[in-house]
Amino acid sequence: LNVGNGVTYADSVKGRFTISRDNANNTLYLEMNNLKPQDT
């Protein structure tokens, strides 16, 4: 979300992926763990 700490995930990646942002450096991240073939 543009303000606050609101985030949301697709059901297929909940518990495995984490989205984060660094506004000061204009950067968005996606940490992906326990990857599965269907994540391709």
PDB file of all heavy atoms in Angstrom:
ATOM      1  N   LEU A   1       0.823  -1.199   0.000  1.00  0.00           N
ATOM      2  CA  LEU A   1       0.000   0.000   0.000  1.00  0.00           C
ATOM      3  C   LEU A   1       0.861   1.254   0.000  1.00  0.00           C
ATOM      4  O   LEU A   1       1.984   1.250   0.515  1.00  0.00           O
ATOM      5  CB  LEU A   1      -0.921  -0.020   1.208  1.00  0.00           C
ATOM      6  CG  LEU A   1      -2.094   0.963   1.240  1.00  0.00           C
ATOM      7  CD1 LEU A   1      -3.077   0.665   0.118  1.00  0.00           C
ATOM      8  CD2 LEU A   1      -2.787   0.890   2.595  1.00  0.00           C
ATOM      9  N   ASN A   2       0.314   2.346  -0.554  1.00  0.00           N
ATOM     10  CA  ASN A   2       1.078   3.585  -0.672  1.00  0.00           C
ATOM     11  C   ASN A   2       1.367   4.260   0.661  1.00  0.00           C
ATOM     12  O   ASN A   2       2.273   5.077   0.761  1.00  0.00           O
ATOM     13  CB  ASN A   2       0.359   4.564  -1.606  1.00  0.00           C
ATOM     14  CG  ASN A   2      -1.028   4.942  -1.110  1.00  0.00           C
ATOM     15  OD1 ASN A   2      -1.624   4.258  -0.292  1.00  0.00           O
ATOM     16  ND2 ASN A   2      -1.539   6.054  -1.631  1.00  0.00           N
ATOM     17  N   VAL A   3       0.589   3.961   1.682  1.00  0.00           N
ATOM     18  CA  VAL A   3       0.781   4.556   2.991  1.00  0.00           C
ATOM     19  C   VAL A   3       0.547   3.497   4.058  1.00  0.00           C
ATOM     20  O   VAL A   3      -0.276   2.587   3.879  1.00  0.00           O
ATOM     21  CB  VAL A   3      -0.154   5.763   3.204  1.00  0.00           C
ATOM     22  CG1 VAL A   3      -1.616   5.323   3.173  1.00  0.00           C
ATOM     23  CG2 VAL A   3       0.159   6.486   4.509  1.00  0.00           C
ATOM     24  N   GLY A   4       1.268   3.593   5.155  1.00  0.00           N
ATOM     25  CA  GLY A   4       1.129   2.629   6.220  1.00  0.00           C
ATOM     26  C   GLY A   4       1.887   1.354   5.937  1.00  0.00           C
ATOM     27  O   GLY A   4       2.782   1.303   5.093  1.00  0.00           O
ATOM     28  N   ASN A   5       1.514   0.300   6.627  1.00  0.00           N
ATOM     29  CA  ASN A   5       2.201  -0.978   6.532  1.00  0.00           C
ATOM     30  C   ASN A   5       1.385  -2.051   5.827  1.00  0.00           C
ATOM     31  O   ASN A   5       1.679  -3.239   5.963  1.00  0.00           O
ATOM     32  CB  ASN A   5       2.579  -1.465   7.929  1.00  0.00           C
ATOM     33  CG  ASN A   5       3.511  -0.519   8.641  1.00  0.00           C
ATOM     34  OD1 ASN A   5       4.455  -0.006   8.042  1.00  0.00           O
ATOM     35  ND2 ASN A   5       3.259  -0.291   9.921  1.00  0.00           N
ATOM     36  N   GLY A   6       0.380  -1.652   5.082  1.00  0.00           N
ATOM     37  CA  GLY A   6      -0.491  -2.611   4.450  1.00  0.00           C
ATOM     38  C   GLY A   6       0.174  -3.369   3.311  1.00  0.00           C
ATOM     39  O   GLY A   6       0.738  -2.775   2.395  1.00  0.00           O
ATOM     40  N   VAL A   7       0.111  -4.681   3.372  1.00  0.00           N
ATOM     41  CA  VAL A   7       0.615  -5.540   2.312  1.00  0.00           C
ATOM     42  C   VAL A   7      -0.384  -6.657   2.086  1.00  0.00           C
ATOM     43  O   VAL A   7      -1.187  -6.989   2.966  1.00  0.00           O
ATOM     44  CB  VAL A   7       1.999  -6.136   2.627  1.00  0.00           C
ATOM     45  CG1 VAL A   7       3.053  -5.045   2.745  1.00  0.00           C
ATOM     46  CG2 VAL A   7       1.941  -6.953   3.920  1.00  0.00           C
ATOM     47  N   THR A   8      -0.349  -7.240   0.913  1.00  0.00           N
ATOM     48  CA  THR A   8      -1.217  -8.356   0.620  1.00  0.00           C
ATOM     49  C   THR A   8      -0.489  -9.318  -0.308  1.00  0.00           C
ATOM     50  O   THR A   8       0.396  -8.915  -1.071  1.00  0.00           O
ATOM     51  CB  THR A   8      -2.542  -7.883  -0.008  1.00  0.00           C
ATOM     52  OG1 THR A   8      -3.458  -8.979  -0.082  1.00  0.00           O
ATOM     53  CG2 THR A   8      -2.320  -7.313  -1.399  1.00  0.00           C
ATOM     54  N   TYR A   9      -0.860 -10.595  -0.233  1.00  0.00           N
ATOM     55  CA  TYR A   9      -0.218 -11.633  -1.013  1.00  0.00           C
ATOM     56  C   TYR A   9      -1.243 -12.546  -1.653  1.00  0.00           C
ATOM     57  O   TYR A   9      -2.321 -12.774  -1.102  1.00  0.00           O
ATOM     58  CB  TYR A   9       0.697 -12.490  -0.131  1.00  0.00           C
ATOM     59  CG  TYR A   9       1.819 -11.732   0.520  1.00  0.00           C
ATOM     60  CD1 TYR A   9       1.666 -11.188   1.792  1.00  0.00           C
ATOM     61  CD2 TYR A   9       3.037 -11.562  -0.131  1.00  0.00           C
ATOM     62  CE1 TYR A   9       2.693 -10.491   2.394  1.00  0.00           C
ATOM     63  CE2 TYR A   9       4.072 -10.862   0.462  1.00  0.00           C
ATOM     64  CZ  TYR A   9       3.894 -10.329   1.729  1.00  0.00           C
ATOM     65  OH  TYR A   9       4.915  -9.638   2.327  1.00  0.00           O
ATOM     66  N   ALA A  10      -0.871 -13.073  -2.794  1.00  0.00           N
ATOM     67  CA  ALA A  10      -1.675 -14.121  -3.387  1.00  0.00           C
ATOM     68  C   ALA A  10      -1.622 -15.355  -2.497  1.00  0.00           C
ATOM     69  O   ALA A  10      -0.600 -15.622  -1.854  1.00  0.00           O
ATOM     70  CB  ALA A  10      -1.157 -14.466  -4.784  1.00  0.00           C
ATOM     71  N   ASP A  11      -2.716 -16.112  -2.457  1.00  0.00           N
ATOM     72  CA  ASP A  11      -2.768 -17.286  -1.595  1.00  0.00           C
ATOM     73  C   ASP A  11      -1.640 -18.273  -1.897  1.00  0.00           C
ATOM     74  O   ASP A  11      -1.124 -18.929  -0.993  1.00  0.00           O
ATOM     75  CB  ASP A  11      -4.115 -17.996  -1.754  1.00  0.00           C
ATOM     76  CG  ASP A  11      -5.260 -17.221  -1.139  1.00  0.00           C
ATOM     77  OD1 ASP A  11      -5.005 -16.341  -0.297  1.00  0.00           O
ATOM     78  OD2 ASP A  11      -6.417 -17.502  -1.497  1.00  0.00           O
ATOM     79  N   SER A  12      -1.241 -18.360  -3.138  1.00  0.00           N
ATOM     80  CA  SER A  12      -0.239 -19.330  -3.544  1.00  0.00           C
ATOM     81  C   SER A  12       1.160 -19.042  -3.004  1.00  0.00           C
ATOM     82  O   SER A  12       2.017 -19.929  -3.013  1.00  0.00           O
ATOM     83  CB  SER A  12      -0.176 -19.416  -5.074  1.00  0.00           C
ATOM     84  OG  SER A  12       0.161 -18.172  -5.643  1.00  0.00           O
ATOM     85  N   VAL A  13       1.401 -17.816  -2.523  1.00  0.00           N
ATOM     86  CA  VAL A  13       2.737 -17.465  -2.046  1.00  0.00           C
ATOM     87  C   VAL A  13       2.763 -17.063  -0.582  1.00  0.00           C
ATOM     88  O   VAL A  13       3.844 -16.768  -0.049  1.00  0.00           O
ATOM     89  CB  VAL A  13       3.363 -16.336  -2.891  1.00  0.00           C
ATOM     90  CG1 VAL A  13       3.343 -16.698  -4.370  1.00  0.00           C
ATOM     91  CG2 VAL A  13       2.636 -15.012  -2.655  1.00  0.00           C
ATOM     92  N   LYS A  14       1.632 -17.049   0.087  1.00  0.00           N
ATOM     93  CA  LYS A  14       1.586 -16.664   1.490  1.00  0.00           C
ATOM     94  C   LYS A  14       2.483 -17.564   2.333  1.00  0.00           C
ATOM     95  O   LYS A  14       2.468 -18.777   2.200  1.00  0.00           O
ATOM     96  CB  LYS A  14       0.151 -16.720   2.014  1.00  0.00           C
ATOM     97  CG  LYS A  14      -0.734 -15.605   1.506  1.00  0.00           C
ATOM     98  CD  LYS A  14      -2.139 -15.700   2.085  1.00  0.00           C
ATOM     99  CE  LYS A  14      -3.008 -14.555   1.598  1.00  0.00           C
ATOM    100  NZ  LYS A  14      -4.389 -14.656   2.112  1.00  0.00           N
ATOM    101  N   GLY A  15       3.267 -16.926   3.193  1.00  0.00           N
ATOM    102  CA  GLY A  15       4.180 -17.662   4.042  1.00  0.00           C
ATOM    103  C   GLY A  15       5.521 -17.940   3.410  1.00  0.00           C
ATOM    104  O   GLY A  15       6.450 -18.381   4.098  1.00  0.00           O
ATOM    105  N   ARG A  16       5.649 -17.682   2.106  1.00  0.00           N
ATOM    106  CA  ARG A  16       6.906 -17.947   1.398  1.00  0.00           C
ATOM    107  C   ARG A  16       7.548 -16.681   0.830  1.00  0.00           C
ATOM    108  O   ARG A  16       8.772 -16.591   0.764  1.00  0.00           O
ATOM    109  CB  ARG A  16       6.686 -18.945   0.267  1.00  0.00           C
ATOM    110  CG  ARG A  16       6.162 -20.296   0.732  1.00  0.00           C
ATOM    111  CD  ARG A  16       6.154 -21.316  -0.401  1.00  0.00           C
ATOM    112  NE  ARG A  16       5.248 -20.926  -1.481  1.00  0.00           N
ATOM    113  CZ  ARG A  16       5.628 -20.683  -2.735  1.00  0.00           C
ATOM    114  NH1 ARG A  16       6.909 -20.788  -3.069  1.00  0.00           N
ATOM    115  NH2 ARG A  16       4.735 -20.343  -3.650  1.00  0.00           N
ATOM    116  N   PHE A  17       6.729 -15.728   0.410  1.00  0.00           N
ATOM    117  CA  PHE A  17       7.229 -14.492  -0.201  1.00  0.00           C
ATOM    118  C   PHE A  17       7.015 -13.309   0.735  1.00  0.00           C
ATOM    119  O   PHE A  17       6.030 -13.270   1.485  1.00  0.00           O
ATOM    120  CB  PHE A  17       6.492 -14.194  -1.507  1.00  0.00           C
ATOM    121  CG  PHE A  17       6.802 -15.134  -2.640  1.00  0.00           C
ATOM    122  CD1 PHE A  17       7.508 -16.309  -2.448  1.00  0.00           C
ATOM    123  CD2 PHE A  17       6.369 -14.821  -3.921  1.00  0.00           C
ATOM    124  CE1 PHE A  17       7.783 -17.170  -3.497  1.00  0.00           C
ATOM    125  CE2 PHE A  17       6.637 -15.669  -4.983  1.00  0.00           C
ATOM    126  CZ  PHE A  17       7.342 -16.845  -4.774  1.00  0.00           C
ATOM    127  N   THR A  18       7.909 -12.330   0.661  1.00  0.00           N
ATOM    128  CA  THR A  18       7.791 -11.115   1.447  1.00  0.00           C
ATOM    129  C   THR A  18       8.100  -9.909   0.575  1.00  0.00           C
ATOM    130  O   THR A  18       9.167  -9.842  -0.035  1.00  0.00           O
ATOM    131  CB  THR A  18       8.741 -11.115   2.653  1.00  0.00           C
ATOM    132  OG1 THR A  18       8.471 -12.253   3.480  1.00  0.00           O
ATOM    133  CG2 THR A  18       8.551  -9.848   3.485  1.00  0.00           C
ATOM    134  N   ILE A  19       7.168  -8.964   0.523  1.00  0.00           N
ATOM    135  CA  ILE A  19       7.384  -7.740  -0.227  1.00  0.00           C
ATOM    136  C   ILE A  19       7.827  -6.636   0.734  1.00  0.00           C
ATOM    137  O   ILE A  19       7.337  -6.548   1.856  1.00  0.00           O
ATOM    138  CB  ILE A  19       6.113  -7.311  -0.992  1.00  0.00           C
ATOM    139  CG1 ILE A  19       6.399  -6.114  -1.902  1.00  0.00           C
ATOM    140  CG2 ILE A  19       4.974  -6.998  -0.029  1.00  0.00           C
ATOM    141  CD1 ILE A  19       5.240  -5.766  -2.838  1.00  0.00           C
ATOM    142  N   SER A  20       8.758  -5.818   0.302  1.00  0.00           N
ATOM    143  CA  SER A  20       9.216  -4.693   1.104  1.00  0.00           C
ATOM    144  C   SER A  20       9.636  -3.559   0.184  1.00  0.00           C
ATOM    145  O   SER A  20       9.855  -3.765  -1.010  1.00  0.00           O
ATOM    146  CB  SER A  20      10.363  -5.099   2.032  1.00  0.00           C
ATOM    147  OG  SER A  20      11.482  -5.551   1.285  1.00  0.00           O
ATOM    148  N   ARG A  21       9.734  -2.367   0.741  1.00  0.00           N
ATOM    149  CA  ARG A  21      10.102  -1.209  -0.075  1.00  0.00           C
ATOM    150  C   ARG A  21      11.029  -0.288   0.684  1.00  0.00           C
ATOM    151  O   ARG A  21      10.946  -0.153   1.906  1.00  0.00           O
ATOM    152  CB  ARG A  21       8.850  -0.454  -0.527  1.00  0.00           C
ATOM    153  CG  ARG A  21       8.002   0.109   0.608  1.00  0.00           C
ATOM    154  CD  ARG A  21       6.593   0.457   0.141  1.00  0.00           C
ATOM    155  NE  ARG A  21       6.582   1.561  -0.813  1.00  0.00           N
ATOM    156  CZ  ARG A  21       5.522   1.911  -1.541  1.00  0.00           C
ATOM    157  NH1 ARG A  21       4.384   1.223  -1.431  1.00  0.00           N
ATOM    158  NH2 ARG A  21       5.600   2.938  -2.381  1.00  0.00           N
ATOM    159  N   ASP A  22      11.907   0.355  -0.061  1.00  0.00           N
ATOM    160  CA  ASP A  22      12.820   1.352   0.460  1.00  0.00           C
ATOM    161  C   ASP A  22      12.526   2.638  -0.300  1.00  0.00           C
ATOM    162  O   ASP A  22      13.079   2.878  -1.372  1.00  0.00           O
ATOM    163  CB  ASP A  22      14.265   0.916   0.271  1.00  0.00           C
ATOM    164  CG  ASP A  22      15.254   1.888   0.882  1.00  0.00           C
ATOM    165  OD1 ASP A  22      14.855   2.995   1.276  1.00  0.00           O
ATOM    166  OD2 ASP A  22      16.444   1.529   0.970  1.00  0.00           O
ATOM    167  N   ASN A  23      11.633   3.443   0.249  1.00  0.00           N
ATOM    168  CA  ASN A  23      11.206   4.651  -0.443  1.00  0.00           C
ATOM    169  C   ASN A  23      12.343   5.647  -0.653  1.00  0.00           C
ATOM    170  O   ASN A  23      12.384   6.344  -1.669  1.00  0.00           O
ATOM    171  CB  ASN A  23      10.067   5.325   0.322  1.00  0.00           C
ATOM    172  CG  ASN A  23       8.771   4.552   0.250  1.00  0.00           C
ATOM    173  OD1 ASN A  23       8.565   3.730  -0.639  1.00  0.00           O
ATOM    174  ND2 ASN A  23       7.875   4.813   1.197  1.00  0.00           N
ATOM    175  N   ALA A  24      13.260   5.732   0.303  1.00  0.00           N
ATOM    176  CA  ALA A  24      14.365   6.673   0.207  1.00  0.00           C
ATOM    177  C   ALA A  24      15.246   6.381  -0.997  1.00  0.00           C
ATOM    178  O   ALA A  24      15.834   7.290  -1.583  1.00  0.00           O
ATOM    179  CB  ALA A  24      15.188   6.661   1.488  1.00  0.00           C
ATOM    180  N   ASN A  25      15.350   5.116  -1.369  1.00  0.00           N
ATOM    181  CA  ASN A  25      16.191   4.716  -2.493  1.00  0.00           C
ATOM    182  C   ASN A  25      15.397   4.256  -3.711  1.00  0.00           C
ATOM    183  O   ASN A  25      15.967   3.677  -4.638  1.00  0.00           O
ATOM    184  CB  ASN A  25      17.154   3.615  -2.052  1.00  0.00           C
ATOM    185  CG  ASN A  25      18.180   4.113  -1.065  1.00  0.00           C
ATOM    186  OD1 ASN A  25      19.024   4.929  -1.403  1.00  0.00           O
ATOM    187  ND2 ASN A  25      18.101   3.628   0.170  1.00  0.00           N
ATOM    188  N   ASN A  26      14.107   4.507  -3.704  1.00  0.00           N
ATOM    189  CA  ASN A  26      13.238   4.177  -4.838  1.00  0.00           C
ATOM    190  C   ASN A  26      13.377   2.717  -5.264  1.00  0.00           C
ATOM    191  O   ASN A  26      13.546   2.406  -6.448  1.00  0.00           O
ATOM    192  CB  ASN A  26      13.539   5.095  -6.026  1.00  0.00           C
ATOM    193  CG  ASN A  26      13.101   6.520  -5.785  1.00  0.00           C
ATOM    194  OD1 ASN A  26      12.508   6.848  -4.764  1.00  0.00           O
ATOM    195  ND2 ASN A  26      13.385   7.392  -6.746  1.00  0.00           N
ATOM    196  N   THR A  27      13.290   1.830  -4.290  1.00  0.00           N
ATOM    197  CA  THR A  27      13.526   0.424  -4.562  1.00  0.00           C
ATOM    198  C   THR A  27      12.456  -0.453  -3.919  1.00  0.00           C
ATOM    199  O   THR A  27      12.061  -0.230  -2.773  1.00  0.00           O
ATOM    200  CB  THR A  27      14.902  -0.010  -4.045  1.00  0.00           C
ATOM    201  OG1 THR A  27      15.901   0.868  -4.576  1.00  0.00           O
ATOM    202  CG2 THR A  27      15.214  -1.432  -4.472  1.00  0.00           C
ATOM    203  N   LEU A  28      12.001  -1.442  -4.658  1.00  0.00           N
ATOM    204  CA  LEU A  28      11.039  -2.424  -4.186  1.00  0.00           C
ATOM    205  C   LEU A  28      11.692  -3.800  -4.225  1.00  0.00           C
ATOM    206  O   LEU A  28      12.440  -4.105  -5.153  1.00  0.00           O
ATOM    207  CB  LEU A  28       9.794  -2.418  -5.071  1.00  0.00           C
ATOM    208  CG  LEU A  28       8.666  -3.379  -4.686  1.00  0.00           C
ATOM    209  CD1 LEU A  28       7.916  -2.851  -3.468  1.00  0.00           C
ATOM    210  CD2 LEU A  28       7.711  -3.574  -5.861  1.00  0.00           C
ATOM    211  N   TYR A  29      11.386  -4.630  -3.235  1.00  0.00           N
ATOM    212  CA  TYR A  29      11.978  -5.955  -3.145  1.00  0.00           C
ATOM    213  C   TYR A  29      10.906  -7.034  -3.052  1.00  0.00           C
ATOM    214  O   TYR A  29       9.794  -6.795  -2.587  1.00  0.00           O
ATOM    215  CB  TYR A  29      12.871  -6.073  -1.904  1.00  0.00           C
ATOM    216  CG  TYR A  29      13.991  -5.078  -1.848  1.00  0.00           C
ATOM    217  CD1 TYR A  29      13.833  -3.864  -1.191  1.00  0.00           C
ATOM    218  CD2 TYR A  29      15.218  -5.349  -2.439  1.00  0.00           C
ATOM    219  CE1 TYR A  29      14.868  -2.949  -1.126  1.00  0.00           C
ATOM    220  CE2 TYR A  29      16.259  -4.439  -2.378  1.00  0.00           C
ATOM    221  CZ  TYR A  29      16.082  -3.247  -1.725  1.00  0.00           C
ATOM    222  OH  TYR A  29      17.114  -2.339  -1.666  1.00  0.00           O
ATOM    223  N   LEU A  30      11.277  -8.218  -3.477  1.00  0.00           N
ATOM    224  CA  LEU A  30      10.460  -9.400  -3.252  1.00  0.00           C
ATOM    225  C   LEU A  30      11.381 -10.530  -2.830  1.00  0.00           C
ATOM    226  O   LEU A  30      12.169 -11.027  -3.633  1.00  0.00           O
ATOM    227  CB  LEU A  30       9.671  -9.796  -4.502  1.00  0.00           C
ATOM    228  CG  LEU A  30       8.727 -10.986  -4.314  1.00  0.00           C
ATOM    229  CD1 LEU A  30       7.584 -10.608  -3.365  1.00  0.00           C
ATOM    230  CD2 LEU A  30       8.166 -11.464  -5.649  1.00  0.00           C
ATOM    231  N   GLU A  31      11.292 -10.910  -1.564  1.00  0.00           N
ATOM    232  CA  GLU A  31      12.053 -12.033  -1.043  1.00  0.00           C
ATOM    233  C   GLU A  31      11.233 -13.294  -1.243  1.00  0.00           C
ATOM    234  O   GLU A  31      10.109 -13.385  -0.756  1.00  0.00           O
ATOM    235  CB  GLU A  31      12.369 -11.825   0.437  1.00  0.00           C
ATOM    236  CG  GLU A  31      13.223 -12.908   1.059  1.00  0.00           C
ATOM    237  CD  GLU A  31      14.663 -12.855   0.601  1.00  0.00           C
ATOM    238  OE1 GLU A  31      15.152 -11.747   0.301  1.00  0.00           O
ATOM    239  OE2 GLU A  31      15.309 -13.917   0.545  1.00  0.00           O
ATOM    240  N   MET A  32      11.787 -14.253  -1.960  1.00  0.00           N
ATOM    241  CA  MET A  32      11.085 -15.482  -2.281  1.00  0.00           C
ATOM    242  C   MET A  32      11.825 -16.655  -1.671  1.00  0.00           C
ATOM    243  O   MET A  32      12.998 -16.879  -1.973  1.00  0.00           O
ATOM    244  CB  MET A  32      10.965 -15.657  -3.798  1.00  0.00           C
ATOM    245  CG  MET A  32      10.310 -14.473  -4.496  1.00  0.00           C
ATOM    246  SD  MET A  32      10.035 -14.773  -6.261  1.00  0.00           S
ATOM    247  CE  MET A  32      11.735 -14.886  -6.825  1.00  0.00           C
ATOM    248  N   ASN A  33      11.133 -17.402  -0.822  1.00  0.00           N
ATOM    249  CA  ASN A  33      11.714 -18.564  -0.163  1.00  0.00           C
ATOM    250  C   ASN A  33      10.928 -19.819  -0.498  1.00  0.00           C
ATOM    251  O   ASN A  33       9.760 -19.755  -0.877  1.00  0.00           O
ATOM    252  CB  ASN A  33      11.736 -18.354   1.353  1.00  0.00           C
ATOM    253  CG  ASN A  33      12.580 -17.180   1.779  1.00  0.00           C
ATOM    254  OD1 ASN A  33      13.743 -17.067   1.391  1.00  0.00           O
ATOM    255  ND2 ASN A  33      12.009 -16.291   2.582  1.00  0.00           N
ATOM    256  N   ASN A  34      11.581 -20.954  -0.320  1.00  0.00           N
ATOM    257  CA  ASN A  34      10.951 -22.247  -0.593  1.00  0.00           C
ATOM    258  C   ASN A  34      10.270 -22.249  -1.961  1.00  0.00           C
ATOM    259  O   ASN A  34       9.098 -22.601  -2.096  1.00  0.00           O
ATOM    260  CB  ASN A  34       9.946 -22.587   0.510  1.00  0.00           C
ATOM    261  CG  ASN A  34       9.457 -24.016   0.438  1.00  0.00           C
ATOM    262  OD1 ASN A  34      10.126 -24.895  -0.108  1.00  0.00           O
ATOM    263  ND2 ASN A  34       8.271 -24.263   0.991  1.00  0.00           N
ATOM    264  N   LEU A  35      11.016 -21.876  -2.957  1.00  0.00           N
ATOM    265  CA  LEU A  35      10.464 -21.772  -4.304  1.00  0.00           C
ATOM    266  C   LEU A  35      10.007 -23.120  -4.833  1.00  0.00           C
ATOM    267  O   LEU A  35      10.620 -24.155  -4.557  1.00  0.00           O
ATOM    268  CB  LEU A  35      11.493 -21.162  -5.242  1.00  0.00           C
ATOM    269  CG  LEU A  35      11.679 -19.654  -5.078  1.00  0.00           C
ATOM    270  CD1 LEU A  35      12.984 -19.203  -5.708  1.00  0.00           C
ATOM    271  CD2 LEU A  35      10.491 -18.916  -5.695  1.00  0.00           C
ATOM    272  N   LYS A  36       8.931 -23.082  -5.601  1.00  0.00           N
ATOM    273  CA  LYS A  36       8.342 -24.264  -6.190  1.00  0.00           C
ATOM    274  C   LYS A  36       8.334 -24.130  -7.709  1.00  0.00           C
ATOM    275  O   LYS A  36       8.346 -23.014  -8.232  1.00  0.00           O
ATOM    276  CB  LYS A  36       6.913 -24.455  -5.685  1.00  0.00           C
ATOM    277  CG  LYS A  36       6.792 -24.553  -4.174  1.00  0.00           C
ATOM    278  CD  LYS A  36       5.339 -24.654  -3.743  1.00  0.00           C
ATOM    279  CE  LYS A  36       5.224 -24.768  -2.236  1.00  0.00           C
ATOM    280  NZ  LYS A  36       3.802 -24.871  -1.809  1.00  0.00           N
ATOM    281  N   PRO A  37       8.295 -25.253  -8.434  1.00  0.00           N
ATOM    282  CA  PRO A  37       8.257 -25.170  -9.896  1.00  0.00           C
ATOM    283  C   PRO A  37       7.122 -24.293 -10.416  1.00  0.00           C
ATOM    284  O   PRO A  37       7.287 -23.616 -11.435  1.00  0.00           O
ATOM    285  CB  PRO A  37       8.076 -26.632 -10.319  1.00  0.00           C
ATOM    286  CG  PRO A  37       8.756 -27.402  -9.237  1.00  0.00           C
ATOM    287  CD  PRO A  37       8.422 -26.646  -7.972  1.00  0.00           C
ATOM    288  N   GLN A  38       5.985 -24.290  -9.744  1.00  0.00           N
ATOM    289  CA  GLN A  38       4.861 -23.476 -10.178  1.00  0.00           C
ATOM    290  C   GLN A  38       5.083 -21.979  -9.979  1.00  0.00           C
ATOM    291  O   GLN A  38       4.259 -21.166 -10.408  1.00  0.00           O
ATOM    292  CB  GLN A  38       3.560 -23.918  -9.484  1.00  0.00           C
ATOM    293  CG  GLN A  38       3.652 -24.022  -7.974  1.00  0.00           C
ATOM    294  CD  GLN A  38       3.934 -25.430  -7.517  1.00  0.00           C
ATOM    295  OE1 GLN A  38       4.860 -26.081  -7.999  1.00  0.00           O
ATOM    296  NE2 GLN A  38       3.139 -25.923  -6.572  1.00  0.00           N
ATOM    297  N   ASP A  39       6.178 -21.597  -9.320  1.00  0.00           N
ATOM    298  CA  ASP A  39       6.545 -20.193  -9.204  1.00  0.00           C
ATOM    299  C   ASP A  39       7.261 -19.684 -10.445  1.00  0.00           C
ATOM    300  O   ASP A  39       7.526 -18.486 -10.559  1.00  0.00           O
ATOM    301  CB  ASP A  39       7.442 -19.961  -7.986  1.00  0.00           C
ATOM    302  CG  ASP A  39       6.726 -20.209  -6.676  1.00  0.00           C
ATOM    303  OD1 ASP A  39       5.556 -19.811  -6.543  1.00  0.00           O
ATOM    304  OD2 ASP A  39       7.356 -20.800  -5.766  1.00  0.00           O
ATOM    305  N   THR A  40       7.577 -20.562 -11.353  1.00  0.00           N
ATOM    306  CA  THR A  40       8.271 -20.191 -12.581  1.00  0.00           C
ATOM    307  C   THR A  40       7.461 -19.187 -13.390  1.00  0.00           C
ATOM    308  O   THR A  40       6.249 -19.327 -13.552  1.00  0.00           O
ATOM    309  CB  THR A  40       8.549 -21.434 -13.429  1.00  0.00           C
ATOM    310  OG1 THR A  40       9.494 -22.270 -12.755  1.00  0.00           O
ATOM    311  CG2 THR A  40       9.124 -21.057 -14.787  1.00  0.00           C
TER     312      THR A  40
END
